[in-house]
Amino acid sequence: MGKNLKELSDDLKAYMIEQQSDAHNRGNLRKERYNNLKFSMDIAKNSSPHLVINLGMSEAEFSLRSKEKNNGGLGPDEKYVYRWLDKGSNLADLNECWIQIARERGRA
């Protein structure tokens, strides 16, 4: 079994911090900004596979099929989300989470 949404959000947080931790950004990097990064998937609001990312006061929804943003925005951090979605098995794990959520919804 793949990772759950919490583990995946922690991975994205670590990836964003890592990408910004070069010598040029060390002084401007605010790691605490990413402490409240959260993932969610609301099958009741949108029945197509998607991922909602909350980061501070920002929120964006990304399609798991096209990897495009459906609505909202995360500002300059969006570029890291796109890169992270293409990295490793992240997209496959997110799709697996979506299937699990859809399966559990059918039981309720």
C-alpha atoms as a PDB file:
ATOM      1  CA  MET A   1       0.000   0.000   0.000  1.00  0.00           C
ATOM      2  CA  GLY A   2       1.159   3.528  -0.776  1.00  0.00           C
ATOM      3  CA  LYS A   3       1.372   6.526   1.490  1.00  0.00           C
ATOM      4  CA  ASN A   4      -1.625   8.241   3.069  1.00  0.00           C
ATOM      5  CA  LEU A   5      -2.509  11.928   2.590  1.00  0.00           C
ATOM      6  CA  LYS A   6      -0.690  13.004   5.766  1.00  0.00           C
ATOM      7  CA  GLU A   7       2.528  11.272   4.710  1.00  0.00           C
ATOM      8  CA  LEU A   8       2.252  12.747   1.220  1.00  0.00           C
ATOM      9  CA  SER A   9       1.687  16.264   2.573  1.00  0.00           C
ATOM     10  CA  ASP A  10       4.755  15.833   4.789  1.00  0.00           C
ATOM     11  CA  ASP A  11       6.722  14.764   1.701  1.00  0.00           C
ATOM     12  CA  LEU A  12       5.629  17.865  -0.214  1.00  0.00           C
ATOM     13  CA  LYS A  13       6.529  20.078   2.750  1.00  0.00           C
ATOM     14  CA  ALA A  14      10.010  18.542   2.940  1.00  0.00           C
ATOM     15  CA  TYR A  15      10.410  18.856  -0.846  1.00  0.00           C
ATOM     16  CA  MET A  16       9.456  22.555  -0.828  1.00  0.00           C
ATOM     17  CA  ILE A  17      11.896  23.311   1.970  1.00  0.00           C
ATOM     18  CA  GLU A  18      14.656  21.306   0.278  1.00  0.00           C
ATOM     19  CA  GLN A  19      14.140  23.111  -3.037  1.00  0.00           C
ATOM     20  CA  GLN A  20      14.472  26.493  -1.355  1.00  0.00           C
ATOM     21  CA  SER A  21      17.410  25.640   0.907  1.00  0.00           C
ATOM     22  CA  ASP A  22      20.185  26.578  -1.491  1.00  0.00           C
ATOM     23  CA  ALA A  23      22.774  29.175  -0.538  1.00  0.00           C
ATOM     24  CA  HIS A  24      20.839  32.003  -2.214  1.00  0.00           C
ATOM     25  CA  ASN A  25      17.584  31.451  -0.338  1.00  0.00           C
ATOM     26  CA  ARG A  26      18.742  30.467   3.161  1.00  0.00           C
ATOM     27  CA  GLY A  27      18.165  33.952   4.519  1.00  0.00           C
ATOM     28  CA  ASN A  28      14.685  34.299   3.036  1.00  0.00           C
ATOM     29  CA  LEU A  29      13.403  30.777   3.755  1.00  0.00           C
ATOM     30  CA  ARG A  30      10.670  30.641   6.404  1.00  0.00           C
ATOM     31  CA  LYS A  31      10.250  26.933   7.178  1.00  0.00           C
ATOM     32  CA  GLU A  32       7.430  27.594   9.636  1.00  0.00           C
ATOM     33  CA  ARG A  33       5.314  28.804   6.705  1.00  0.00           C
ATOM     34  CA  TYR A  34       4.944  25.173   5.614  1.00  0.00           C
ATOM     35  CA  ASN A  35       3.961  23.768   9.024  1.00  0.00           C
ATOM     36  CA  ASN A  36       0.257  24.094   8.206  1.00  0.00           C
ATOM     37  CA  LEU A  37       0.401  22.490   4.744  1.00  0.00           C
ATOM     38  CA  LYS A  38      -2.569  20.137   4.418  1.00  0.00           C
ATOM     39  CA  PHE A  39      -4.013  17.865   1.738  1.00  0.00           C
ATOM     40  CA  SER A  40      -7.650  16.948   1.311  1.00  0.00           C
ATOM     41  CA  MET A  41      -9.896  15.263  -1.216  1.00  0.00           C
ATOM     42  CA  ASP A  42     -13.625  16.002  -1.079  1.00  0.00           C
ATOM     43  CA  ILE A  43     -15.492  13.584  -3.292  1.00  0.00           C
ATOM     44  CA  ALA A  44     -18.811  15.246  -2.383  1.00  0.00           C
ATOM     45  CA  LYS A  45     -17.726  18.601  -3.853  1.00  0.00           C
ATOM     46  CA  ASN A  46     -15.900  17.273  -6.897  1.00  0.00           C
ATOM     47  CA  SER A  47     -16.371  13.715  -8.139  1.00  0.00           C
ATOM     48  CA  SER A  48     -13.323  13.690 -10.412  1.00  0.00           C
ATOM     49  CA  PRO A  49      -9.946  12.759  -8.862  1.00  0.00           C
ATOM     50  CA  HIS A  50      -8.404  15.874  -7.358  1.00  0.00           C
ATOM     51  CA  LEU A  51      -6.197  17.131  -4.569  1.00  0.00           C
ATOM     52  CA  VAL A  52      -6.867  20.246  -2.507  1.00  0.00           C
ATOM     53  CA  ILE A  53      -3.765  21.817  -0.982  1.00  0.00           C
ATOM     54  CA  ASN A  54      -4.114  24.326   1.851  1.00  0.00           C
ATOM     55  CA  LEU A  55      -1.069  26.420   2.651  1.00  0.00           C
ATOM     56  CA  GLY A  56      -1.574  29.263   5.073  1.00  0.00           C
ATOM     57  CA  MET A  57      -4.437  31.347   3.771  1.00  0.00           C
ATOM     58  CA  SER A  58      -4.048  29.967   0.248  1.00  0.00           C
ATOM     59  CA  GLU A  59      -5.833  27.019  -1.286  1.00  0.00           C
ATOM     60  CA  ALA A  60      -5.607  25.354  -4.689  1.00  0.00           C
ATOM     61  CA  GLU A  61      -7.234  22.328  -6.269  1.00  0.00           C
ATOM     62  CA  PHE A  62      -5.260  20.182  -8.707  1.00  0.00           C
ATOM     63  CA  SER A  63      -6.629  17.528 -11.056  1.00  0.00           C
ATOM     64  CA  LEU A  64      -4.988  14.131 -10.581  1.00  0.00           C
ATOM     65  CA  ARG A  65      -5.733  13.248 -14.206  1.00  0.00           C
ATOM     66  CA  SER A  66      -4.213  16.253 -15.968  1.00  0.00           C
ATOM     67  CA  LYS A  67      -1.983  17.538 -13.124  1.00  0.00           C
ATOM     68  CA  GLU A  68      -3.365  20.999 -13.870  1.00  0.00           C
ATOM     69  CA  LYS A  69      -4.739  23.476 -11.354  1.00  0.00           C
ATOM     70  CA  ASN A  70      -8.559  23.518 -11.352  1.00  0.00           C
ATOM     71  CA  ASN A  71      -8.983  26.610  -9.186  1.00  0.00           C
ATOM     72  CA  GLY A  72      -7.414  28.665  -6.426  1.00  0.00           C
ATOM     73  CA  GLY A  73      -3.746  29.431  -6.125  1.00  0.00           C
ATOM     74  CA  LEU A  74      -0.649  28.977  -3.984  1.00  0.00           C
ATOM     75  CA  GLY A  75       1.415  31.799  -5.429  1.00  0.00           C
ATOM     76  CA  PRO A  76       5.067  31.046  -6.140  1.00  0.00           C
ATOM     77  CA  ASP A  77       4.841  27.694  -4.313  1.00  0.00           C
ATOM     78  CA  GLU A  78       2.757  26.204  -7.146  1.00  0.00           C
ATOM     79  CA  LYS A  79       5.877  25.466  -9.177  1.00  0.00           C
ATOM     80  CA  TYR A  80       7.051  23.103  -6.430  1.00  0.00           C
ATOM     81  CA  VAL A  81       3.694  21.311  -6.439  1.00  0.00           C
ATOM     82  CA  TYR A  82       3.921  20.637 -10.182  1.00  0.00           C
ATOM     83  CA  ARG A  83       7.473  19.317  -9.843  1.00  0.00           C
ATOM     84  CA  TRP A  84       6.538  17.185  -6.837  1.00  0.00           C
ATOM     85  CA  LEU A  85       3.559  15.637  -8.650  1.00  0.00           C
ATOM     86  CA  ASP A  86       5.946  14.428 -11.382  1.00  0.00           C
ATOM     87  CA  LYS A  87       8.446  13.061  -8.866  1.00  0.00           C
ATOM     88  CA  GLY A  88       8.551   9.347  -8.031  1.00  0.00           C
ATOM     89  CA  SER A  89       5.297   7.619  -7.184  1.00  0.00           C
ATOM     90  CA  ASN A  90       3.590  10.685  -5.707  1.00  0.00           C
ATOM     91  CA  LEU A  91       0.839  10.844  -8.335  1.00  0.00           C
ATOM     92  CA  ALA A  92       0.214   7.089  -8.117  1.00  0.00           C
ATOM     93  CA  ASP A  93      -0.011   7.324  -4.309  1.00  0.00           C
ATOM     94  CA  LEU A  94      -2.473  10.220  -4.580  1.00  0.00           C
ATOM     95  CA  ASN A  95      -4.616   8.254  -7.019  1.00  0.00           C
ATOM     96  CA  GLU A  96      -4.566   5.323  -4.603  1.00  0.00           C
ATOM     97  CA  CYS A  97      -5.746   7.647  -1.807  1.00  0.00           C
ATOM     98  CA  TRP A  98      -8.551   8.862  -4.083  1.00  0.00           C
ATOM     99  CA  ILE A  99      -9.679   5.290  -4.781  1.00  0.00           C
ATOM    100  CA  GLN A 100      -9.640   4.504  -1.046  1.00  0.00           C
ATOM    101  CA  ILE A 101     -11.704   7.598  -0.223  1.00  0.00           C
ATOM    102  CA  ALA A 102     -14.222   6.745  -2.967  1.00  0.00           C
ATOM    103  CA  ARG A 103     -14.457   3.160  -1.677  1.00  0.00           C
ATOM    104  CA  GLU A 104     -15.022   4.323   1.925  1.00  0.00           C
ATOM    105  CA  ARG A 105     -17.662   6.805   0.831  1.00  0.00           C
ATOM    106  CA  GLY A 106     -19.650   3.968  -0.706  1.00  0.00           C
ATOM    107  CA  ARG A 107     -19.764   2.213   2.684  1.00  0.00           C
ATOM    108  CA  ALA A 108     -21.149   5.170   4.628  1.00  0.00           C
END
